[in-house]
N, C-alpha and C. Protein backbone atom coordinates (compact mmCIF):
# COMPACT_ATOMS: atom_id res chain seq x y z
N MET A 1 40.33 -42.95 1.21
CA MET A 1 40.83 -44.32 1.32
C MET A 1 40.54 -44.85 2.72
N ASN A 2 39.93 -46.04 2.78
CA ASN A 2 39.58 -46.62 4.07
C ASN A 2 40.74 -47.46 4.60
N HIS A 3 41.04 -47.27 5.85
CA HIS A 3 42.08 -48.03 6.51
C HIS A 3 41.48 -48.72 7.72
N ARG A 4 41.72 -50.00 7.84
CA ARG A 4 41.27 -50.73 9.03
C ARG A 4 42.35 -50.62 10.09
N LEU A 5 41.98 -50.02 11.22
CA LEU A 5 42.93 -49.79 12.30
C LEU A 5 42.65 -50.76 13.44
N ILE A 6 43.71 -51.36 13.96
CA ILE A 6 43.58 -52.21 15.14
C ILE A 6 44.53 -51.70 16.21
N LEU A 7 44.01 -51.51 17.41
CA LEU A 7 44.83 -51.20 18.57
C LEU A 7 45.14 -52.52 19.25
N ALA A 8 46.40 -52.92 19.24
CA ALA A 8 46.81 -54.20 19.81
C ALA A 8 46.96 -54.06 21.32
N SER A 9 45.84 -53.96 21.99
CA SER A 9 45.86 -53.70 23.43
C SER A 9 44.52 -54.04 24.06
N SER A 10 44.58 -54.46 25.31
CA SER A 10 43.35 -54.67 26.09
C SER A 10 43.06 -53.47 26.99
N SER A 11 43.87 -52.41 26.84
CA SER A 11 43.74 -51.24 27.70
C SER A 11 42.51 -50.41 27.33
N LYS A 12 41.58 -50.32 28.27
CA LYS A 12 40.39 -49.48 28.06
C LYS A 12 40.79 -48.02 27.91
N ALA A 13 41.79 -47.59 28.70
CA ALA A 13 42.21 -46.18 28.67
C ALA A 13 42.73 -45.80 27.29
N ARG A 14 43.57 -46.65 26.69
CA ARG A 14 44.12 -46.33 25.37
C ARG A 14 43.02 -46.31 24.31
N HIS A 15 42.13 -47.29 24.37
CA HIS A 15 41.05 -47.34 23.38
C HIS A 15 40.15 -46.12 23.51
N THR A 16 39.84 -45.75 24.76
CA THR A 16 38.98 -44.58 24.99
C THR A 16 39.65 -43.31 24.50
N MET A 17 40.96 -43.17 24.75
CA MET A 17 41.68 -41.99 24.26
C MET A 17 41.55 -41.85 22.76
N LEU A 18 41.75 -42.94 22.03
CA LEU A 18 41.68 -42.90 20.58
C LEU A 18 40.26 -42.61 20.11
N LYS A 19 39.28 -43.27 20.71
CA LYS A 19 37.88 -43.04 20.33
C LYS A 19 37.47 -41.60 20.59
N ASN A 20 37.85 -41.07 21.76
CA ASN A 20 37.49 -39.70 22.10
C ASN A 20 38.15 -38.69 21.16
N ALA A 21 39.30 -39.08 20.60
CA ALA A 21 40.01 -38.20 19.67
C ALA A 21 39.52 -38.38 18.24
N GLY A 22 38.51 -39.22 18.04
CA GLY A 22 37.95 -39.41 16.71
C GLY A 22 38.69 -40.42 15.85
N VAL A 23 39.48 -41.29 16.48
CA VAL A 23 40.21 -42.33 15.75
C VAL A 23 39.43 -43.63 15.89
N ASP A 24 38.84 -44.08 14.80
CA ASP A 24 38.01 -45.29 14.81
C ASP A 24 38.90 -46.51 14.68
N CYS A 25 38.95 -47.34 15.72
CA CYS A 25 39.79 -48.54 15.67
C CYS A 25 39.18 -49.64 16.52
N GLU A 26 39.55 -50.87 16.17
CA GLU A 26 39.19 -52.03 16.98
C GLU A 26 40.28 -52.21 18.03
N ALA A 27 39.90 -52.70 19.19
CA ALA A 27 40.88 -53.03 20.23
C ALA A 27 40.91 -54.54 20.42
N VAL A 28 42.07 -55.13 20.17
CA VAL A 28 42.24 -56.57 20.29
C VAL A 28 43.52 -56.82 21.09
N ALA A 29 43.43 -57.57 22.18
CA ALA A 29 44.61 -57.83 23.00
C ALA A 29 45.64 -58.62 22.22
N SER A 30 46.89 -58.20 22.32
CA SER A 30 48.01 -58.92 21.71
C SER A 30 48.80 -59.56 22.83
N MET A 31 48.67 -60.86 22.97
CA MET A 31 49.23 -61.56 24.12
C MET A 31 50.69 -61.94 23.88
N ILE A 32 51.58 -61.36 24.68
CA ILE A 32 52.98 -61.75 24.68
C ILE A 32 53.41 -61.97 26.13
N ASP A 33 54.54 -62.60 26.32
CA ASP A 33 55.06 -62.86 27.66
C ASP A 33 55.79 -61.62 28.17
N GLU A 34 55.00 -60.61 28.55
CA GLU A 34 55.60 -59.34 28.96
C GLU A 34 56.58 -59.51 30.11
N GLU A 35 56.18 -60.26 31.12
CA GLU A 35 57.03 -60.40 32.30
C GLU A 35 58.36 -61.05 31.94
N GLY A 36 58.30 -62.08 31.13
CA GLY A 36 59.53 -62.77 30.72
C GLY A 36 60.46 -61.86 29.93
N TYR A 37 59.88 -61.12 28.99
CA TYR A 37 60.69 -60.21 28.19
C TYR A 37 61.28 -59.09 29.05
N LYS A 38 60.49 -58.57 29.99
CA LYS A 38 61.00 -57.51 30.86
C LYS A 38 62.19 -58.00 31.69
N GLN A 39 62.06 -59.19 32.25
CA GLN A 39 63.15 -59.73 33.07
C GLN A 39 64.41 -59.91 32.23
N SER A 40 64.23 -60.40 31.01
CA SER A 40 65.37 -60.61 30.11
C SER A 40 66.04 -59.28 29.75
N MET A 41 65.22 -58.27 29.40
CA MET A 41 65.77 -56.97 29.01
C MET A 41 66.44 -56.28 30.20
N LYS A 42 65.85 -56.40 31.39
CA LYS A 42 66.44 -55.82 32.59
C LYS A 42 67.81 -56.44 32.85
N ALA A 43 67.90 -57.76 32.70
CA ALA A 43 69.16 -58.47 32.93
C ALA A 43 70.23 -58.04 31.92
N GLU A 44 69.78 -57.66 30.72
CA GLU A 44 70.72 -57.24 29.68
C GLU A 44 71.08 -55.75 29.78
N GLY A 45 70.50 -55.06 30.78
CA GLY A 45 70.85 -53.67 30.99
C GLY A 45 70.05 -52.68 30.18
N ALA A 46 68.91 -53.10 29.65
CA ALA A 46 68.07 -52.19 28.86
C ALA A 46 67.49 -51.10 29.74
N SER A 47 67.23 -49.95 29.15
CA SER A 47 66.56 -48.87 29.87
C SER A 47 65.05 -49.11 29.85
N ALA A 48 64.33 -48.39 30.68
CA ALA A 48 62.87 -48.50 30.69
C ALA A 48 62.30 -48.10 29.33
N ALA A 49 62.89 -47.07 28.70
CA ALA A 49 62.41 -46.62 27.39
C ALA A 49 62.64 -47.70 26.33
N GLU A 50 63.80 -48.33 26.37
CA GLU A 50 64.08 -49.41 25.41
C GLU A 50 63.12 -50.57 25.61
N ALA A 51 62.82 -50.88 26.86
CA ALA A 51 61.89 -51.98 27.14
C ALA A 51 60.49 -51.65 26.64
N ALA A 52 60.03 -50.43 26.89
CA ALA A 52 58.69 -50.04 26.45
C ALA A 52 58.58 -50.11 24.93
N GLU A 53 59.59 -49.62 24.24
CA GLU A 53 59.55 -49.63 22.77
C GLU A 53 59.58 -51.06 22.23
N THR A 54 60.44 -51.90 22.82
CA THR A 54 60.54 -53.29 22.37
C THR A 54 59.23 -54.03 22.58
N LEU A 55 58.61 -53.85 23.74
CA LEU A 55 57.35 -54.53 24.03
C LEU A 55 56.24 -54.05 23.09
N ALA A 56 56.20 -52.75 22.82
CA ALA A 56 55.20 -52.23 21.89
C ALA A 56 55.40 -52.82 20.50
N GLU A 57 56.66 -52.91 20.08
CA GLU A 57 56.94 -53.46 18.75
C GLU A 57 56.56 -54.94 18.68
N MET A 58 56.82 -55.69 19.74
CA MET A 58 56.49 -57.11 19.73
C MET A 58 54.98 -57.31 19.69
N LYS A 59 54.23 -56.47 20.40
CA LYS A 59 52.77 -56.55 20.36
C LYS A 59 52.25 -56.25 18.95
N ALA A 60 52.83 -55.22 18.34
CA ALA A 60 52.39 -54.83 17.00
C ALA A 60 52.68 -55.93 15.98
N LEU A 61 53.86 -56.50 16.05
CA LEU A 61 54.25 -57.55 15.10
C LEU A 61 53.38 -58.79 15.26
N ARG A 62 53.11 -59.15 16.51
CA ARG A 62 52.27 -60.33 16.75
C ARG A 62 50.86 -60.11 16.20
N MET A 63 50.31 -58.92 16.42
CA MET A 63 48.97 -58.63 15.92
C MET A 63 48.96 -58.54 14.40
N TYR A 64 50.00 -57.96 13.81
CA TYR A 64 50.06 -57.88 12.35
C TYR A 64 50.01 -59.28 11.73
N ARG A 65 50.70 -60.22 12.35
CA ARG A 65 50.71 -61.59 11.81
C ARG A 65 49.32 -62.22 11.86
N GLN A 66 48.49 -61.78 12.81
CA GLN A 66 47.12 -62.28 12.90
C GLN A 66 46.17 -61.49 12.01
N GLN A 67 46.49 -60.21 11.78
CA GLN A 67 45.62 -59.32 11.01
C GLN A 67 46.46 -58.59 9.94
N PRO A 68 46.95 -59.31 8.94
CA PRO A 68 47.90 -58.70 7.98
C PRO A 68 47.31 -57.61 7.10
N ASP A 69 45.98 -57.52 7.04
CA ASP A 69 45.35 -56.49 6.20
C ASP A 69 45.16 -55.17 6.93
N ALA A 70 45.49 -55.12 8.22
CA ALA A 70 45.20 -53.94 9.04
C ALA A 70 46.45 -53.11 9.29
N ILE A 71 46.22 -51.85 9.64
CA ILE A 71 47.26 -51.02 10.22
C ILE A 71 47.18 -51.24 11.73
N VAL A 72 48.29 -51.66 12.32
CA VAL A 72 48.29 -52.04 13.74
C VAL A 72 49.02 -51.00 14.58
N ILE A 73 48.32 -50.51 15.60
CA ILE A 73 48.90 -49.61 16.59
C ILE A 73 49.14 -50.42 17.86
N ALA A 74 50.33 -50.30 18.43
CA ALA A 74 50.60 -50.96 19.70
C ALA A 74 51.36 -50.01 20.61
N ALA A 75 51.18 -50.19 21.90
CA ALA A 75 51.83 -49.30 22.87
C ALA A 75 52.22 -50.08 24.11
N ASP A 76 53.15 -49.50 24.84
CA ASP A 76 53.52 -50.07 26.14
C ASP A 76 53.98 -48.93 27.04
N GLN A 77 53.86 -49.15 28.33
CA GLN A 77 54.25 -48.14 29.30
C GLN A 77 55.07 -48.79 30.40
N MET A 78 56.14 -48.10 30.79
CA MET A 78 56.99 -48.57 31.88
C MET A 78 57.07 -47.50 32.95
N LEU A 79 57.07 -47.94 34.21
CA LEU A 79 57.26 -47.03 35.34
C LEU A 79 58.61 -47.36 35.96
N GLU A 80 59.47 -46.33 36.08
CA GLU A 80 60.80 -46.54 36.64
C GLU A 80 61.05 -45.52 37.73
N CYS A 81 61.56 -45.99 38.85
CA CYS A 81 61.89 -45.10 39.96
C CYS A 81 63.21 -45.55 40.58
N ASN A 82 64.21 -44.69 40.50
CA ASN A 82 65.53 -45.00 41.06
C ASN A 82 66.07 -46.35 40.59
N GLY A 83 65.89 -46.62 39.30
CA GLY A 83 66.42 -47.85 38.72
C GLY A 83 65.54 -49.07 38.88
N ILE A 84 64.43 -48.95 39.58
CA ILE A 84 63.52 -50.08 39.80
C ILE A 84 62.34 -49.96 38.84
N TRP A 85 61.98 -51.06 38.19
CA TRP A 85 60.82 -51.10 37.31
C TRP A 85 59.61 -51.61 38.08
N PHE A 86 58.50 -50.92 37.93
CA PHE A 86 57.27 -51.31 38.61
C PHE A 86 56.27 -51.82 37.57
N ASP A 87 55.53 -52.88 37.94
CA ASP A 87 54.51 -53.45 37.07
C ASP A 87 53.12 -53.10 37.59
N LYS A 88 52.11 -53.53 36.85
CA LYS A 88 50.74 -53.38 37.34
C LYS A 88 50.60 -54.17 38.63
N PRO A 89 50.03 -53.58 39.66
CA PRO A 89 49.89 -54.31 40.93
C PRO A 89 48.89 -55.46 40.80
N ARG A 90 49.14 -56.50 41.59
CA ARG A 90 48.31 -57.71 41.51
C ARG A 90 47.02 -57.59 42.32
N ASP A 91 47.11 -56.88 43.44
CA ASP A 91 45.98 -56.80 44.37
C ASP A 91 46.16 -55.58 45.26
N ARG A 92 45.29 -55.46 46.23
CA ARG A 92 45.32 -54.28 47.12
C ARG A 92 46.64 -54.19 47.89
N ASP A 93 47.09 -55.30 48.44
CA ASP A 93 48.34 -55.28 49.22
C ASP A 93 49.52 -54.88 48.35
N ASN A 94 49.56 -55.40 47.13
CA ASN A 94 50.64 -55.07 46.21
C ASN A 94 50.58 -53.60 45.79
N THR A 95 49.35 -53.08 45.61
CA THR A 95 49.17 -51.67 45.28
C THR A 95 49.67 -50.79 46.41
N ARG A 96 49.31 -51.16 47.63
CA ARG A 96 49.76 -50.41 48.81
C ARG A 96 51.29 -50.38 48.87
N ALA A 97 51.91 -51.54 48.66
CA ALA A 97 53.38 -51.62 48.72
C ALA A 97 54.02 -50.74 47.65
N GLN A 98 53.46 -50.75 46.43
CA GLN A 98 54.01 -49.93 45.35
C GLN A 98 53.90 -48.45 45.68
N LEU A 99 52.74 -48.03 46.15
CA LEU A 99 52.54 -46.62 46.44
C LEU A 99 53.41 -46.15 47.60
N MET A 100 53.62 -47.02 48.58
CA MET A 100 54.52 -46.67 49.68
C MET A 100 55.96 -46.53 49.18
N ALA A 101 56.33 -47.37 48.22
CA ALA A 101 57.68 -47.29 47.65
C ALA A 101 57.88 -46.02 46.83
N LEU A 102 56.80 -45.52 46.23
CA LEU A 102 56.88 -44.32 45.39
C LEU A 102 56.64 -43.03 46.17
N ARG A 103 56.12 -43.14 47.38
CA ARG A 103 55.75 -41.98 48.19
C ARG A 103 56.95 -41.05 48.41
N GLY A 104 56.73 -39.75 48.15
CA GLY A 104 57.76 -38.76 48.38
C GLY A 104 58.87 -38.72 47.34
N LYS A 105 58.72 -39.50 46.26
CA LYS A 105 59.77 -39.58 45.24
C LYS A 105 59.22 -39.14 43.87
N THR A 106 60.15 -38.89 42.97
CA THR A 106 59.79 -38.61 41.58
C THR A 106 60.07 -39.86 40.75
N HIS A 107 59.07 -40.28 40.00
CA HIS A 107 59.27 -41.44 39.13
C HIS A 107 58.99 -41.05 37.68
N GLN A 108 59.37 -41.92 36.79
CA GLN A 108 59.20 -41.68 35.36
C GLN A 108 58.19 -42.67 34.78
N LEU A 109 57.30 -42.16 33.95
CA LEU A 109 56.41 -42.99 33.15
C LEU A 109 56.85 -42.84 31.69
N VAL A 110 57.25 -43.95 31.10
CA VAL A 110 57.69 -43.95 29.71
C VAL A 110 56.62 -44.63 28.87
N SER A 111 56.08 -43.93 27.90
CA SER A 111 55.08 -44.51 26.99
C SER A 111 55.66 -44.58 25.58
N ALA A 112 55.55 -45.75 24.98
CA ALA A 112 56.03 -45.96 23.62
C ALA A 112 54.88 -46.44 22.76
N ALA A 113 54.89 -46.03 21.49
CA ALA A 113 53.88 -46.50 20.54
C ALA A 113 54.57 -46.78 19.21
N VAL A 114 54.11 -47.82 18.53
CA VAL A 114 54.61 -48.14 17.19
C VAL A 114 53.43 -48.49 16.30
N ILE A 115 53.65 -48.37 15.00
CA ILE A 115 52.62 -48.74 14.02
C ILE A 115 53.24 -49.68 12.99
N TYR A 116 52.53 -50.76 12.72
CA TYR A 116 52.95 -51.73 11.70
C TYR A 116 51.95 -51.72 10.56
N LYS A 117 52.47 -51.84 9.35
CA LYS A 117 51.64 -51.95 8.15
C LYS A 117 52.38 -52.80 7.13
N GLU A 118 51.68 -53.79 6.60
CA GLU A 118 52.22 -54.65 5.55
C GLU A 118 53.58 -55.24 5.93
N GLY A 119 53.68 -55.64 7.19
CA GLY A 119 54.87 -56.37 7.63
C GLY A 119 56.03 -55.52 8.10
N SER A 120 55.88 -54.20 8.07
CA SER A 120 56.98 -53.33 8.45
C SER A 120 56.55 -52.31 9.49
N ARG A 121 57.47 -51.94 10.33
CA ARG A 121 57.24 -50.82 11.25
C ARG A 121 57.34 -49.53 10.45
N ILE A 122 56.28 -48.76 10.46
CA ILE A 122 56.28 -47.53 9.66
C ILE A 122 56.37 -46.27 10.53
N TRP A 123 56.28 -46.45 11.85
CA TRP A 123 56.35 -45.29 12.75
C TRP A 123 56.54 -45.75 14.18
N GLY A 124 57.17 -44.90 14.97
CA GLY A 124 57.29 -45.18 16.39
C GLY A 124 57.71 -43.94 17.14
N THR A 125 57.36 -43.86 18.41
CA THR A 125 57.77 -42.73 19.24
C THR A 125 57.80 -43.15 20.70
N ILE A 126 58.59 -42.43 21.47
CA ILE A 126 58.70 -42.66 22.92
C ILE A 126 58.59 -41.30 23.61
N ASP A 127 57.86 -41.25 24.71
CA ASP A 127 57.77 -40.02 25.48
C ASP A 127 57.81 -40.35 26.96
N THR A 128 58.38 -39.44 27.74
CA THR A 128 58.54 -39.67 29.18
C THR A 128 57.92 -38.52 29.98
N ALA A 129 57.19 -38.88 31.02
CA ALA A 129 56.65 -37.90 31.97
C ALA A 129 57.27 -38.16 33.33
N HIS A 130 57.42 -37.08 34.12
CA HIS A 130 58.01 -37.17 35.45
C HIS A 130 56.96 -36.77 36.48
N LEU A 131 56.70 -37.66 37.43
CA LEU A 131 55.64 -37.44 38.41
C LEU A 131 56.21 -37.49 39.82
N THR A 132 55.89 -36.49 40.62
CA THR A 132 56.36 -36.44 42.00
C THR A 132 55.20 -36.72 42.94
N MET A 133 55.38 -37.76 43.75
CA MET A 133 54.32 -38.19 44.66
C MET A 133 54.53 -37.55 46.04
N ARG A 134 53.44 -37.13 46.63
CA ARG A 134 53.54 -36.44 47.92
C ARG A 134 53.72 -37.44 49.07
N ASN A 135 54.07 -36.92 50.23
CA ASN A 135 54.22 -37.75 51.43
C ASN A 135 52.87 -37.90 52.12
N PHE A 136 52.01 -38.72 51.57
CA PHE A 136 50.69 -38.95 52.15
C PHE A 136 50.80 -39.84 53.39
N THR A 137 49.77 -39.78 54.22
CA THR A 137 49.73 -40.62 55.42
C THR A 137 49.19 -42.01 55.07
N GLN A 138 49.48 -42.97 55.92
CA GLN A 138 48.97 -44.32 55.69
C GLN A 138 47.45 -44.35 55.84
N GLU A 139 46.93 -43.51 56.70
CA GLU A 139 45.47 -43.43 56.85
C GLU A 139 44.83 -42.95 55.55
N TRP A 140 45.43 -41.91 54.96
CA TRP A 140 44.90 -41.41 53.68
C TRP A 140 45.02 -42.48 52.60
N LEU A 141 46.12 -43.23 52.60
CA LEU A 141 46.32 -44.28 51.59
C LEU A 141 45.21 -45.32 51.67
N ASP A 142 44.82 -45.71 52.88
CA ASP A 142 43.72 -46.67 53.03
C ASP A 142 42.42 -46.11 52.43
N GLU A 143 42.16 -44.83 52.69
CA GLU A 143 40.96 -44.20 52.14
C GLU A 143 41.04 -44.14 50.61
N TYR A 144 42.24 -43.86 50.11
CA TYR A 144 42.43 -43.82 48.66
C TYR A 144 42.15 -45.18 48.03
N LEU A 145 42.69 -46.23 48.62
CA LEU A 145 42.50 -47.58 48.08
C LEU A 145 41.02 -47.98 48.11
N ASP A 146 40.30 -47.56 49.17
CA ASP A 146 38.86 -47.83 49.23
C ASP A 146 38.13 -47.11 48.10
N ALA A 147 38.49 -45.84 47.88
CA ALA A 147 37.79 -45.03 46.89
C ALA A 147 38.13 -45.40 45.46
N ALA A 148 39.39 -45.78 45.22
CA ALA A 148 39.85 -46.04 43.85
C ALA A 148 39.29 -47.34 43.29
N GLY A 149 39.13 -48.35 44.14
CA GLY A 149 38.56 -49.62 43.68
C GLY A 149 39.54 -50.47 42.89
N ASP A 150 39.02 -51.57 42.36
CA ASP A 150 39.87 -52.57 41.70
C ASP A 150 40.42 -52.10 40.35
N GLU A 151 39.87 -51.03 39.80
CA GLU A 151 40.33 -50.54 38.49
C GLU A 151 41.82 -50.22 38.49
N ILE A 152 42.33 -49.77 39.64
CA ILE A 152 43.74 -49.36 39.67
C ILE A 152 44.69 -50.55 39.57
N PHE A 153 44.17 -51.78 39.74
CA PHE A 153 45.03 -52.94 39.56
C PHE A 153 45.44 -53.08 38.09
N ASN A 154 44.73 -52.43 37.20
CA ASN A 154 45.05 -52.47 35.77
C ASN A 154 46.01 -51.35 35.36
N CYS A 155 46.47 -50.57 36.33
CA CYS A 155 47.29 -49.40 36.03
C CYS A 155 48.66 -49.53 36.68
N VAL A 156 49.71 -49.40 35.87
CA VAL A 156 51.05 -49.45 36.43
C VAL A 156 51.18 -48.35 37.47
N GLY A 157 51.75 -48.70 38.62
CA GLY A 157 51.87 -47.73 39.71
C GLY A 157 50.70 -47.73 40.67
N GLY A 158 49.54 -48.21 40.21
CA GLY A 158 48.37 -48.26 41.08
C GLY A 158 47.62 -46.95 41.20
N TYR A 159 47.58 -46.19 40.11
CA TYR A 159 46.81 -44.94 40.15
C TYR A 159 46.30 -44.59 38.75
N GLN A 160 45.25 -43.78 38.75
CA GLN A 160 44.70 -43.21 37.52
C GLN A 160 44.70 -41.69 37.72
N LEU A 161 45.55 -41.02 36.96
CA LEU A 161 45.69 -39.57 37.13
C LEU A 161 44.39 -38.84 36.81
N GLU A 162 43.57 -39.44 35.95
CA GLU A 162 42.33 -38.79 35.56
C GLU A 162 41.25 -38.90 36.63
N GLY A 163 41.52 -39.62 37.69
CA GLY A 163 40.57 -39.79 38.78
C GLY A 163 41.16 -39.32 40.10
N ILE A 164 40.79 -40.02 41.17
CA ILE A 164 41.25 -39.64 42.51
C ILE A 164 42.76 -39.78 42.65
N GLY A 165 43.40 -40.50 41.72
CA GLY A 165 44.85 -40.63 41.74
C GLY A 165 45.57 -39.30 41.64
N ALA A 166 44.89 -38.27 41.13
CA ALA A 166 45.52 -36.95 41.06
C ALA A 166 45.93 -36.45 42.44
N GLN A 167 45.24 -36.92 43.48
CA GLN A 167 45.56 -36.47 44.84
C GLN A 167 46.87 -37.04 45.37
N LEU A 168 47.45 -37.98 44.65
CA LEU A 168 48.72 -38.56 45.07
C LEU A 168 49.90 -37.64 44.80
N PHE A 169 49.72 -36.65 43.92
CA PHE A 169 50.88 -35.95 43.36
C PHE A 169 50.96 -34.49 43.76
N THR A 170 52.21 -34.01 43.81
CA THR A 170 52.47 -32.59 43.98
C THR A 170 52.88 -31.95 42.67
N GLU A 171 53.42 -32.74 41.73
CA GLU A 171 53.85 -32.19 40.45
C GLU A 171 53.84 -33.28 39.38
N VAL A 172 53.40 -32.91 38.20
CA VAL A 172 53.45 -33.77 37.03
C VAL A 172 54.07 -32.97 35.89
N ARG A 173 55.19 -33.43 35.39
CA ARG A 173 55.87 -32.76 34.27
C ARG A 173 55.84 -33.70 33.07
N GLY A 174 55.19 -33.26 32.02
CA GLY A 174 55.10 -34.08 30.83
C GLY A 174 53.70 -34.07 30.26
N ASP A 175 53.54 -34.79 29.17
CA ASP A 175 52.28 -34.81 28.45
C ASP A 175 51.24 -35.66 29.18
N TYR A 176 50.05 -35.12 29.31
CA TYR A 176 48.96 -35.82 30.02
C TYR A 176 48.65 -37.17 29.40
N PHE A 177 48.59 -37.23 28.07
CA PHE A 177 48.26 -38.49 27.40
C PHE A 177 49.36 -39.53 27.59
N THR A 178 50.61 -39.07 27.67
CA THR A 178 51.71 -39.99 27.94
C THR A 178 51.53 -40.64 29.31
N VAL A 179 51.10 -39.85 30.28
CA VAL A 179 50.84 -40.41 31.62
C VAL A 179 49.75 -41.48 31.54
N LEU A 180 48.74 -41.25 30.71
CA LEU A 180 47.64 -42.21 30.59
C LEU A 180 48.04 -43.45 29.78
N GLY A 181 49.19 -43.40 29.12
CA GLY A 181 49.69 -44.62 28.48
C GLY A 181 49.83 -44.59 26.98
N LEU A 182 49.70 -43.40 26.36
CA LEU A 182 49.79 -43.34 24.90
C LEU A 182 50.25 -41.95 24.46
N PRO A 183 51.34 -41.84 23.70
CA PRO A 183 51.74 -40.54 23.14
C PRO A 183 50.76 -40.15 22.03
N LEU A 184 49.62 -39.64 22.43
CA LEU A 184 48.47 -39.51 21.53
C LEU A 184 48.69 -38.48 20.42
N LEU A 185 49.22 -37.31 20.75
CA LEU A 185 49.31 -36.25 19.75
C LEU A 185 50.26 -36.59 18.60
N PRO A 186 51.47 -37.09 18.86
CA PRO A 186 52.30 -37.50 17.72
C PRO A 186 51.70 -38.66 16.94
N LEU A 187 50.97 -39.54 17.61
CA LEU A 187 50.31 -40.65 16.92
C LEU A 187 49.24 -40.13 15.97
N ILE A 188 48.41 -39.21 16.44
CA ILE A 188 47.39 -38.61 15.59
C ILE A 188 48.03 -37.86 14.42
N GLY A 189 49.12 -37.17 14.71
CA GLY A 189 49.82 -36.44 13.66
C GLY A 189 50.31 -37.37 12.56
N PHE A 190 50.85 -38.52 12.95
CA PHE A 190 51.32 -39.47 11.93
C PHE A 190 50.15 -40.01 11.12
N LEU A 191 49.05 -40.37 11.79
CA LEU A 191 47.90 -40.90 11.08
C LEU A 191 47.35 -39.88 10.09
N ARG A 192 47.39 -38.62 10.47
CA ARG A 192 46.93 -37.56 9.56
C ARG A 192 47.88 -37.45 8.36
N ASP A 193 49.18 -37.42 8.64
CA ASP A 193 50.17 -37.30 7.56
C ASP A 193 50.14 -38.51 6.63
N HIS A 194 49.75 -39.66 7.19
CA HIS A 194 49.73 -40.91 6.42
C HIS A 194 48.42 -41.12 5.66
N GLY A 195 47.49 -40.18 5.83
CA GLY A 195 46.24 -40.26 5.10
C GLY A 195 45.15 -41.07 5.78
N VAL A 196 45.42 -41.55 7.00
CA VAL A 196 44.42 -42.32 7.73
C VAL A 196 43.35 -41.39 8.29
N LEU A 197 43.77 -40.21 8.75
CA LEU A 197 42.86 -39.18 9.22
C LEU A 197 42.92 -38.02 8.22
N LYS A 198 41.83 -37.26 8.13
CA LYS A 198 41.80 -36.13 7.22
C LYS A 198 42.71 -35.00 7.71
N ALA A 199 43.37 -34.37 6.76
CA ALA A 199 44.26 -33.26 7.08
C ALA A 199 43.45 -31.98 7.29
């Protein structure tokens, strides 16, 4: 049985993860007012995990309404450190400020994914990884920002663990794919159980 899969995301990392794992899907950005929703949920006392799940569900629902014949996968990731939520940095200065704020501390990356089909949520999961950042020098940080390039502006926290960003950390506890922004293994497991992938 053929299933048309859409990843409701503009994230290259998520699309690449799925493609590399043999999951054939289209990637289409699902535009929602993420910043507005985050501010509202934060004001209401929501946790980072609740916010990630809600945003993923809203992306999935919006895309389903545009593509009702497809199975829609959507995901969101939140970075939380000592009660503060961090977003994707806007530019180099903002990236520097974020990394200085995270330096020497342990933060949480929460990744949520949901799947919509025929108007209903048929699956969802949340996973959290804990990352401890080392006390790097400001000189090293400048060299890191030069080497990492503008790609890190698309990454919450301002790093890519799969690249030079690994040098920022002393410890990472949790699933590697969750850090990259998608709870990949449970997602693949559901798609297999649901008949989208071969058992």
